Amino acid sequence: MLRYILWIFGLAYLAALVLFVIGTFGLFGSERGPLAGVFLLPLGVPWIWLVDLAPERFWPWLLAAAPVVNLAILWAMCQKFGK
């Protein structure tokens, strides 16, 4: 079951990341908006709270990378407990 959670989280992260890139850069004719990363926020908790410590120009990149930490934790749990 842990592997299913890992795959679901990974797919949700990939979808949120695609929506973030489309909304941030205005791809495919969409408007640029400040809420482009709204789907990344819940996936990156609690690491997104550390984003404020970095300079503001790095915030979008750190927001996009925060869920990777949770994905790595899930992967490590799969390696440890999945067998």
PDB file of N, CA and C in Angstrom:
ATOM      1  N   MET A   1       0.820  -1.192   0.000  1.00  0.00           N
ATOM      2  CA  MET A   1       0.000   0.000   0.000  1.00  0.00           C
ATOM      3  C   MET A   1       0.871   1.266   0.000  1.00  0.00           C
ATOM      4  N   LEU A   2       2.017   1.181   0.634  1.00  0.00           N
ATOM      5  CA  LEU A   2       2.917   2.333   0.681  1.00  0.00           C
ATOM      6  C   LEU A   2       3.406   2.713  -0.714  1.00  0.00           C
ATOM      7  N   ARG A   3       3.610   1.723  -1.551  1.00  0.00           N
ATOM      8  CA  ARG A   3       4.025   2.011  -2.934  1.00  0.00           C
ATOM      9  C   ARG A   3       2.931   2.752  -3.698  1.00  0.00           C
ATOM     10  N   TYR A   4       1.673   2.402  -3.448  1.00  0.00           N
ATOM     11  CA  TYR A   4       0.577   3.121  -4.096  1.00  0.00           C
ATOM     12  C   TYR A   4       0.543   4.582  -3.647  1.00  0.00           C
ATOM     13  N   ILE A   5       0.774   4.801  -2.386  1.00  0.00           N
ATOM     14  CA  ILE A   5       0.814   6.175  -1.870  1.00  0.00           C
ATOM     15  C   ILE A   5       1.957   6.941  -2.518  1.00  0.00           C
ATOM     16  N   LEU A   6       3.094   6.290  -2.671  1.00  0.00           N
ATOM     17  CA  LEU A   6       4.247   6.920  -3.320  1.00  0.00           C
ATOM     18  C   LEU A   6       3.910   7.302  -4.757  1.00  0.00           C
ATOM     19  N   TRP A   7       3.291   6.403  -5.500  1.00  0.00           N
ATOM     20  CA  TRP A   7       2.934   6.686  -6.888  1.00  0.00           C
ATOM     21  C   TRP A   7       1.872   7.782  -6.984  1.00  0.00           C
ATOM     22  N   ILE A   8       0.885   7.744  -6.126  1.00  0.00           N
ATOM     23  CA  ILE A   8      -0.159   8.771  -6.149  1.00  0.00           C
ATOM     24  C   ILE A   8       0.436  10.137  -5.819  1.00  0.00           C
ATOM     25  N   PHE A   9       1.295  10.182  -4.804  1.00  0.00           N
ATOM     26  CA  PHE A   9       1.940  11.446  -4.441  1.00  0.00           C
ATOM     27  C   PHE A   9       2.829  11.937  -5.582  1.00  0.00           C
ATOM     28  N   GLY A  10       3.564  11.033  -6.195  1.00  0.00           N
ATOM     29  CA  GLY A  10       4.435  11.418  -7.315  1.00  0.00           C
ATOM     30  C   GLY A  10       3.652  11.963  -8.497  1.00  0.00           C
ATOM     31  N   LEU A  11       2.534  11.321  -8.818  1.00  0.00           N
ATOM     32  CA  LEU A  11       1.703  11.818  -9.919  1.00  0.00           C
ATOM     33  C   LEU A  11       1.045  13.150  -9.576  1.00  0.00           C
ATOM     34  N   ALA A  12       0.612  13.302  -8.334  1.00  0.00           N
ATOM     35  CA  ALA A  12       0.034  14.584  -7.910  1.00  0.00           C
ATOM     36  C   ALA A  12       1.080  15.695  -7.967  1.00  0.00           C
ATOM     37  N   TYR A  13       2.309  15.372  -7.575  1.00  0.00           N
ATOM     38  CA  TYR A  13       3.391  16.362  -7.639  1.00  0.00           C
ATOM     39  C   TYR A  13       3.697  16.733  -9.080  1.00  0.00           C
ATOM     40  N   LEU A  14       3.735  15.743  -9.953  1.00  0.00           N
ATOM     41  CA  LEU A  14       4.010  16.022 -11.361  1.00  0.00           C
ATOM     42  C   LEU A  14       2.917  16.902 -11.965  1.00  0.00           C
ATOM     43  N   ALA A  15       1.656  16.606 -11.663  1.00  0.00           N
ATOM     44  CA  ALA A  15       0.554  17.423 -12.178  1.00  0.00           C
ATOM     45  C   ALA A  15       0.618  18.842 -11.625  1.00  0.00           C
ATOM     46  N   ALA A  16       0.891  18.983 -10.330  1.00  0.00           N
ATOM     47  CA  ALA A  16       0.981  20.314  -9.720  1.00  0.00           C
ATOM     48  C   ALA A  16       2.162  21.093 -10.289  1.00  0.00           C
ATOM     49  N   LEU A  17       3.258  20.404 -10.558  1.00  0.00           N
ATOM     50  CA  LEU A  17       4.433  21.064 -11.122  1.00  0.00           C
ATOM     51  C   LEU A  17       4.160  21.550 -12.546  1.00  0.00           C
ATOM     52  N   VAL A  18       3.464  20.747 -13.325  1.00  0.00           N
ATOM     53  CA  VAL A  18       3.105  21.164 -14.688  1.00  0.00           C
ATOM     54  C   VAL A  18       2.192  22.380 -14.645  1.00  0.00           C
ATOM     55  N   LEU A  19       1.197  22.366 -13.766  1.00  0.00           N
ATOM     56  CA  LEU A  19       0.309  23.524 -13.634  1.00  0.00           C
ATOM     57  C   LEU A  19       1.060  24.761 -13.147  1.00  0.00           C
ATOM     58  N   PHE A  20       2.032  24.567 -12.272  1.00  0.00           N
ATOM     59  CA  PHE A  20       2.850  25.677 -11.777  1.00  0.00           C
ATOM     60  C   PHE A  20       3.663  26.302 -12.915  1.00  0.00           C
ATOM     61  N   VAL A  21       4.283  25.475 -13.719  1.00  0.00           N
ATOM     62  CA  VAL A  21       5.096  25.990 -14.830  1.00  0.00           C
ATOM     63  C   VAL A  21       4.215  26.698 -15.857  1.00  0.00           C
ATOM     64  N   ILE A  22       3.075  26.112 -16.173  1.00  0.00           N
ATOM     65  CA  ILE A  22       2.162  26.739 -17.134  1.00  0.00           C
ATOM     66  C   ILE A  22       1.668  28.087 -16.613  1.00  0.00           C
ATOM     67  N   GLY A  23       1.290  28.153 -15.337  1.00  0.00           N
ATOM     68  CA  GLY A  23       0.781  29.405 -14.781  1.00  0.00           C
ATOM     69  C   GLY A  23       1.848  30.450 -14.535  1.00  0.00           C
ATOM     70  N   THR A  24       3.071  30.009 -14.229  1.00  0.00           N
ATOM     71  CA  THR A  24       4.139  30.961 -13.949  1.00  0.00           C
ATOM     72  C   THR A  24       4.673  31.617 -15.215  1.00  0.00           C
ATOM     73  N   PHE A  25       4.842  30.830 -16.264  1.00  0.00           N
ATOM     74  CA  PHE A  25       5.433  31.352 -17.492  1.00  0.00           C
ATOM     75  C   PHE A  25       4.400  31.693 -18.559  1.00  0.00           C
ATOM     76  N   GLY A  26       3.125  31.464 -18.292  1.00  0.00           N
ATOM     77  CA  GLY A  26       2.082  31.817 -19.236  1.00  0.00           C
ATOM     78  C   GLY A  26       2.103  30.965 -20.492  1.00  0.00           C
ATOM     79  N   LEU A  27       2.403  29.700 -20.354  1.00  0.00           N
ATOM     80  CA  LEU A  27       2.471  28.817 -21.514  1.00  0.00           C
ATOM     81  C   LEU A  27       1.072  28.488 -22.028  1.00  0.00           C
ATOM     82  N   PHE A  28       0.991  28.107 -23.294  1.00  0.00           N
ATOM     83  CA  PHE A  28      -0.254  27.694 -23.951  1.00  0.00           C
ATOM     84  C   PHE A  28      -1.322  28.775 -23.899  1.00  0.00           C
ATOM     85  N   GLY A  29      -0.906  30.016 -23.887  1.00  0.00           N
ATOM     86  CA  GLY A  29      -1.852  31.119 -23.925  1.00  0.00           C
ATOM     87  C   GLY A  29      -2.535  31.433 -22.601  1.00  0.00           C
ATOM     88  N   SER A  30      -2.102  30.799 -21.531  1.00  0.00           N
ATOM     89  CA  SER A  30      -2.716  31.087 -20.234  1.00  0.00           C
ATOM     90  C   SER A  30      -2.119  32.364 -19.648  1.00  0.00           C
ATOM     91  N   GLU A  31      -2.878  32.982 -18.789  1.00  0.00           N
ATOM     92  CA  GLU A  31      -2.398  34.201 -18.152  1.00  0.00           C
ATOM     93  C   GLU A  31      -1.471  33.857 -16.990  1.00  0.00           C
ATOM     94  N   ARG A  32      -0.500  34.712 -16.782  1.00  0.00           N
ATOM     95  CA  ARG A  32       0.364  34.555 -15.613  1.00  0.00           C
ATOM     96  C   ARG A  32      -0.417  34.954 -14.378  1.00  0.00           C
ATOM     97  N   GLY A  33      -0.280  34.160 -13.338  1.00  0.00           N
ATOM     98  CA  GLY A  33      -1.032  34.472 -12.135  1.00  0.00           C
ATOM     99  C   GLY A  33      -0.252  34.180 -10.881  1.00  0.00           C
ATOM    100  N   PRO A  34      -0.572  34.888  -9.810  1.00  0.00           N
ATOM    101  CA  PRO A  34       0.140  34.680  -8.557  1.00  0.00           C
ATOM    102  C   PRO A  34      -0.240  33.367  -7.863  1.00  0.00           C
ATOM    103  N   LEU A  35      -1.318  32.730  -8.291  1.00  0.00           N
ATOM    104  CA  LEU A  35      -1.763  31.490  -7.659  1.00  0.00           C
ATOM    105  C   LEU A  35      -1.345  30.250  -8.441  1.00  0.00           C
ATOM    106  N   ALA A  36      -0.316  30.375  -9.244  1.00  0.00           N
ATOM    107  CA  ALA A  36       0.116  29.247 -10.069  1.00  0.00           C
ATOM    108  C   ALA A  36       0.607  28.073  -9.226  1.00  0.00           C
ATOM    109  N   GLY A  37       1.168  28.348  -8.083  1.00  0.00           N
ATOM    110  CA  GLY A  37       1.721  27.277  -7.248  1.00  0.00           C
ATOM    111  C   GLY A  37       0.815  26.820  -6.134  1.00  0.00           C
ATOM    112  N   VAL A  38      -0.470  27.130  -6.228  1.00  0.00           N
ATOM    113  CA  VAL A  38      -1.381  26.810  -5.130  1.00  0.00           C
ATOM    114  C   VAL A  38      -1.503  25.301  -4.904  1.00  0.00           C
ATOM    115  N   PHE A  39      -1.336  24.494  -5.926  1.00  0.00           N
ATOM    116  CA  PHE A  39      -1.430  23.049  -5.758  1.00  0.00           C
ATOM    117  C   PHE A  39      -0.146  22.451  -5.199  1.00  0.00           C
ATOM    118  N   LEU A  40       0.949  23.183  -5.276  1.00  0.00           N
ATOM    119  CA  LEU A  40       2.209  22.700  -4.707  1.00  0.00           C
ATOM    120  C   LEU A  40       2.275  22.909  -3.197  1.00  0.00           C
ATOM    121  N   LEU A  41       1.531  23.860  -2.694  1.00  0.00           N
ATOM    122  CA  LEU A  41       1.588  24.181  -1.267  1.00  0.00           C
ATOM    123  C   LEU A  41       1.261  22.995  -0.362  1.00  0.00           C
ATOM    124  N   PRO A  42       0.128  22.325  -0.537  1.00  0.00           N
ATOM    125  CA  PRO A  42      -0.153  21.217   0.385  1.00  0.00           C
ATOM    126  C   PRO A  42       0.781  20.029   0.205  1.00  0.00           C
ATOM    127  N   LEU A  43       1.360  19.884  -0.971  1.00  0.00           N
ATOM    128  CA  LEU A  43       2.285  18.775  -1.196  1.00  0.00           C
ATOM    129  C   LEU A  43       3.644  19.023  -0.548  1.00  0.00           C
ATOM    130  N   GLY A  44       3.978  20.282  -0.296  1.00  0.00           N
ATOM    131  CA  GLY A  44       5.279  20.626   0.252  1.00  0.00           C
ATOM    132  C   GLY A  44       5.311  20.921   1.735  1.00  0.00           C
ATOM    133  N   VAL A  45       4.159  20.807   2.399  1.00  0.00           N
ATOM    134  CA  VAL A  45       4.121  21.056   3.841  1.00  0.00           C
ATOM    135  C   VAL A  45       4.929  19.982   4.536  1.00  0.00           C
ATOM    136  N   PRO A  46       5.746  20.223   5.486  1.00  0.00           N
ATOM    137  CA  PRO A  46       6.047  21.433   6.232  1.00  0.00           C
ATOM    138  C   PRO A  46       7.243  22.215   5.689  1.00  0.00           C
ATOM    139  N   TRP A  47       7.822  21.763   4.585  1.00  0.00           N
ATOM    140  CA  TRP A  47       9.064  22.371   4.091  1.00  0.00           C
ATOM    141  C   TRP A  47       8.837  23.736   3.474  1.00  0.00           C
ATOM    142  N   ILE A  48       7.616  24.042   3.051  1.00  0.00           N
ATOM    143  CA  ILE A  48       7.361  25.351   2.453  1.00  0.00           C
ATOM    144  C   ILE A  48       7.473  26.473   3.469  1.00  0.00           C
ATOM    145  N   TRP A  49       7.360  26.127   4.746  1.00  0.00           N
ATOM    146  CA  TRP A  49       7.484  27.166   5.773  1.00  0.00           C
ATOM    147  C   TRP A  49       8.925  27.655   5.897  1.00  0.00           C
ATOM    148  N   LEU A  50       9.877  26.925   5.361  1.00  0.00           N
ATOM    149  CA  LEU A  50      11.280  27.337   5.393  1.00  0.00           C
ATOM    150  C   LEU A  50      11.652  28.223   4.210  1.00  0.00           C
ATOM    151  N   VAL A  51      10.762  28.341   3.242  1.00  0.00           N
ATOM    152  CA  VAL A  51      11.039  29.137   2.045  1.00  0.00           C
ATOM    153  C   VAL A  51      11.268  30.600   2.396  1.00  0.00           C
ATOM    154  N   ASP A  52      10.608  31.091   3.430  1.00  0.00           N
ATOM    155  CA  ASP A  52      10.752  32.499   3.820  1.00  0.00           C
ATOM    156  C   ASP A  52      12.170  32.854   4.256  1.00  0.00           C
ATOM    157  N   LEU A  53      12.969  31.867   4.596  1.00  0.00           N
ATOM    158  CA  LEU A  53      14.338  32.138   5.027  1.00  0.00           C
ATOM    159  C   LEU A  53      15.270  32.472   3.866  1.00  0.00           C
ATOM    160  N   ALA A  54      14.874  32.121   2.660  1.00  0.00           N
ATOM    161  CA  ALA A  54      15.691  32.368   1.471  1.00  0.00           C
ATOM    162  C   ALA A  54      15.322  33.722   0.866  1.00  0.00           C
ATOM    163  N   PRO A  55      16.196  34.247   0.009  1.00  0.00           N
ATOM    164  CA  PRO A  55      15.852  35.492  -0.697  1.00  0.00           C
ATOM    165  C   PRO A  55      14.608  35.295  -1.571  1.00  0.00           C
ATOM    166  N   GLU A  56      13.869  36.357  -1.759  1.00  0.00           N
ATOM    167  CA  GLU A  56      12.577  36.271  -2.443  1.00  0.00           C
ATOM    168  C   GLU A  56      12.686  35.782  -3.883  1.00  0.00           C
ATOM    169  N   ARG A  57      13.787  36.018  -4.531  1.00  0.00           N
ATOM    170  CA  ARG A  57      13.918  35.583  -5.928  1.00  0.00           C
ATOM    171  C   ARG A  57      13.976  34.069  -6.068  1.00  0.00           C
ATOM    172  N   PHE A  58      14.290  33.345  -4.979  1.00  0.00           N
ATOM    173  CA  PHE A  58      14.359  31.887  -5.014  1.00  0.00           C
ATOM    174  C   PHE A  58      13.056  31.219  -4.576  1.00  0.00           C
ATOM    175  N   TRP A  59      12.090  31.982  -4.128  1.00  0.00           N
ATOM    176  CA  TRP A  59      10.853  31.416  -3.593  1.00  0.00           C
ATOM    177  C   TRP A  59      10.120  30.501  -4.572  1.00  0.00           C
ATOM    178  N   PRO A  60       9.934  30.897  -5.843  1.00  0.00           N
ATOM    179  CA  PRO A  60       9.213  29.982  -6.750  1.00  0.00           C
ATOM    180  C   PRO A  60       9.942  28.648  -6.944  1.00  0.00           C
ATOM    181  N   TRP A  61      11.249  28.699  -7.005  1.00  0.00           N
ATOM    182  CA  TRP A  61      12.021  27.470  -7.217  1.00  0.00           C
ATOM    183  C   TRP A  61      12.002  26.585  -5.972  1.00  0.00           C
ATOM    184  N   LEU A  62      12.058  27.199  -4.806  1.00  0.00           N
ATOM    185  CA  LEU A  62      11.988  26.421  -3.576  1.00  0.00           C
ATOM    186  C   LEU A  62      10.593  25.853  -3.352  1.00  0.00           C
ATOM    187  N   LEU A  63       9.579  26.599  -3.759  1.00  0.00           N
ATOM    188  CA  LEU A  63       8.217  26.091  -3.676  1.00  0.00           C
ATOM    189  C   LEU A  63       8.055  24.855  -4.558  1.00  0.00           C
ATOM    190  N   ALA A  64       8.649  24.884  -5.730  1.00  0.00           N
ATOM    191  CA  ALA A  64       8.559  23.745  -6.643  1.00  0.00           C
ATOM    192  C   ALA A  64       9.366  22.554  -6.139  1.00  0.00           C
ATOM    193  N   ALA A  65      10.411  22.797  -5.363  1.00  0.00           N
ATOM    194  CA  ALA A  65      11.280  21.716  -4.894  1.00  0.00           C
ATOM    195  C   ALA A  65      10.865  21.148  -3.538  1.00  0.00           C
ATOM    196  N   ALA A  66      10.033  21.838  -2.798  1.00  0.00           N
ATOM    197  CA  ALA A  66       9.657  21.387  -1.453  1.00  0.00           C
ATOM    198  C   ALA A  66       8.986  20.014  -1.437  1.00  0.00           C
ATOM    199  N   PRO A  67       8.089  19.691  -2.363  1.00  0.00           N
ATOM    200  CA  PRO A  67       7.480  18.356  -2.326  1.00  0.00           C
ATOM    201  C   PRO A  67       8.465  17.221  -2.603  1.00  0.00           C
ATOM    202  N   VAL A  68       9.603  17.535  -3.183  1.00  0.00           N
ATOM    203  CA  VAL A  68      10.608  16.500  -3.442  1.00  0.00           C
ATOM    204  C   VAL A  68      11.106  15.908  -2.120  1.00  0.00           C
ATOM    205  N   VAL A  69      11.175  16.719  -1.091  1.00  0.00           N
ATOM    206  CA  VAL A  69      11.603  16.222   0.224  1.00  0.00           C
ATOM    207  C   VAL A  69      10.606  15.187   0.736  1.00  0.00           C
ATOM    208  N   ASN A  70       9.316  15.503   0.627  1.00  0.00           N
ATOM    209  CA  ASN A  70       8.298  14.541   1.054  1.00  0.00           C
ATOM    210  C   ASN A  70       8.311  13.290   0.186  1.00  0.00           C
ATOM    211  N   LEU A  71       8.562  13.460  -1.103  1.00  0.00           N
ATOM    212  CA  LEU A  71       8.651  12.314  -1.999  1.00  0.00           C
ATOM    213  C   LEU A  71       9.840  11.435  -1.627  1.00  0.00           C
ATOM    214  N   ALA A  72      10.952  12.043  -1.267  1.00  0.00           N
ATOM    215  CA  ALA A  72      12.134  11.282  -0.849  1.00  0.00           C
ATOM    216  C   ALA A  72      11.874  10.543   0.465  1.00  0.00           C
ATOM    217  N   ILE A  73      11.149  11.161   1.369  1.00  0.00           N
ATOM    218  CA  ILE A  73      10.812  10.496   2.632  1.00  0.00           C
ATOM    219  C   ILE A  73       9.913   9.290   2.370  1.00  0.00           C
ATOM    220  N   LEU A  74       8.923   9.459   1.495  1.00  0.00           N
ATOM    221  CA  LEU A  74       8.059   8.332   1.148  1.00  0.00           C
ATOM    222  C   LEU A  74       8.843   7.214   0.477  1.00  0.00           C
ATOM    223  N   TRP A  75       9.746   7.580  -0.402  1.00  0.00           N
ATOM    224  CA  TRP A  75      10.576   6.575  -1.074  1.00  0.00           C
ATOM    225  C   TRP A  75      11.443   5.816  -0.072  1.00  0.00           C
ATOM    226  N   ALA A  76      12.035   6.539   0.875  1.00  0.00           N
ATOM    227  CA  ALA A  76      12.863   5.890   1.896  1.00  0.00           C
ATOM    228  C   ALA A  76      12.017   4.955   2.764  1.00  0.00           C
ATOM    229  N   MET A  77      10.795   5.360   3.055  1.00  0.00           N
ATOM    230  CA  MET A  77       9.912   4.483   3.829  1.00  0.00           C
ATOM    231  C   MET A  77       9.562   3.217   3.041  1.00  0.00           C
ATOM    232  N   CYS A  78       9.389   3.373   1.721  1.00  0.00           N
ATOM    233  CA  CYS A  78       9.128   2.198   0.891  1.00  0.00           C
ATOM    234  C   CYS A  78      10.320   1.249   0.903  1.00  0.00           C
ATOM    235  N   GLN A  79      11.503   1.798   0.867  1.00  0.00           N
ATOM    236  CA  GLN A  79      12.696   0.962   0.882  1.00  0.00           C
ATOM    237  C   GLN A  79      12.858   0.254   2.212  1.00  0.00           C
ATOM    238  N   LYS A  80      12.525   0.921   3.278  1.00  0.00           N
ATOM    239  CA  LYS A  80      12.717   0.360   4.618  1.00  0.00           C
ATOM    240  C   LYS A  80      11.607  -0.612   5.014  1.00  0.00           C
ATOM    241  N   PHE A  81      10.368  -0.228   4.785  1.00  0.00           N
ATOM    242  CA  PHE A  81       9.241  -0.999   5.277  1.00  0.00           C
ATOM    243  C   PHE A  81       8.481  -1.754   4.193  1.00  0.00           C
ATOM    244  N   GLY A  82       8.809  -1.533   2.935  1.00  0.00           N
ATOM    245  CA  GLY A  82       8.054  -2.127   1.857  1.00  0.00           C
ATOM    246  C   GLY A  82       8.292  -3.601   1.635  1.00  0.00           C
ATOM    247  N   LYS A  83       9.289  -4.163   2.261  1.00  0.00           N
ATOM    248  CA  LYS A  83       9.599  -5.575   2.014  1.00  0.00           C
ATOM    249  C   LYS A  83       9.002  -6.460   2.985  1.00  0.00           C
TER     250      LYS A  83
END
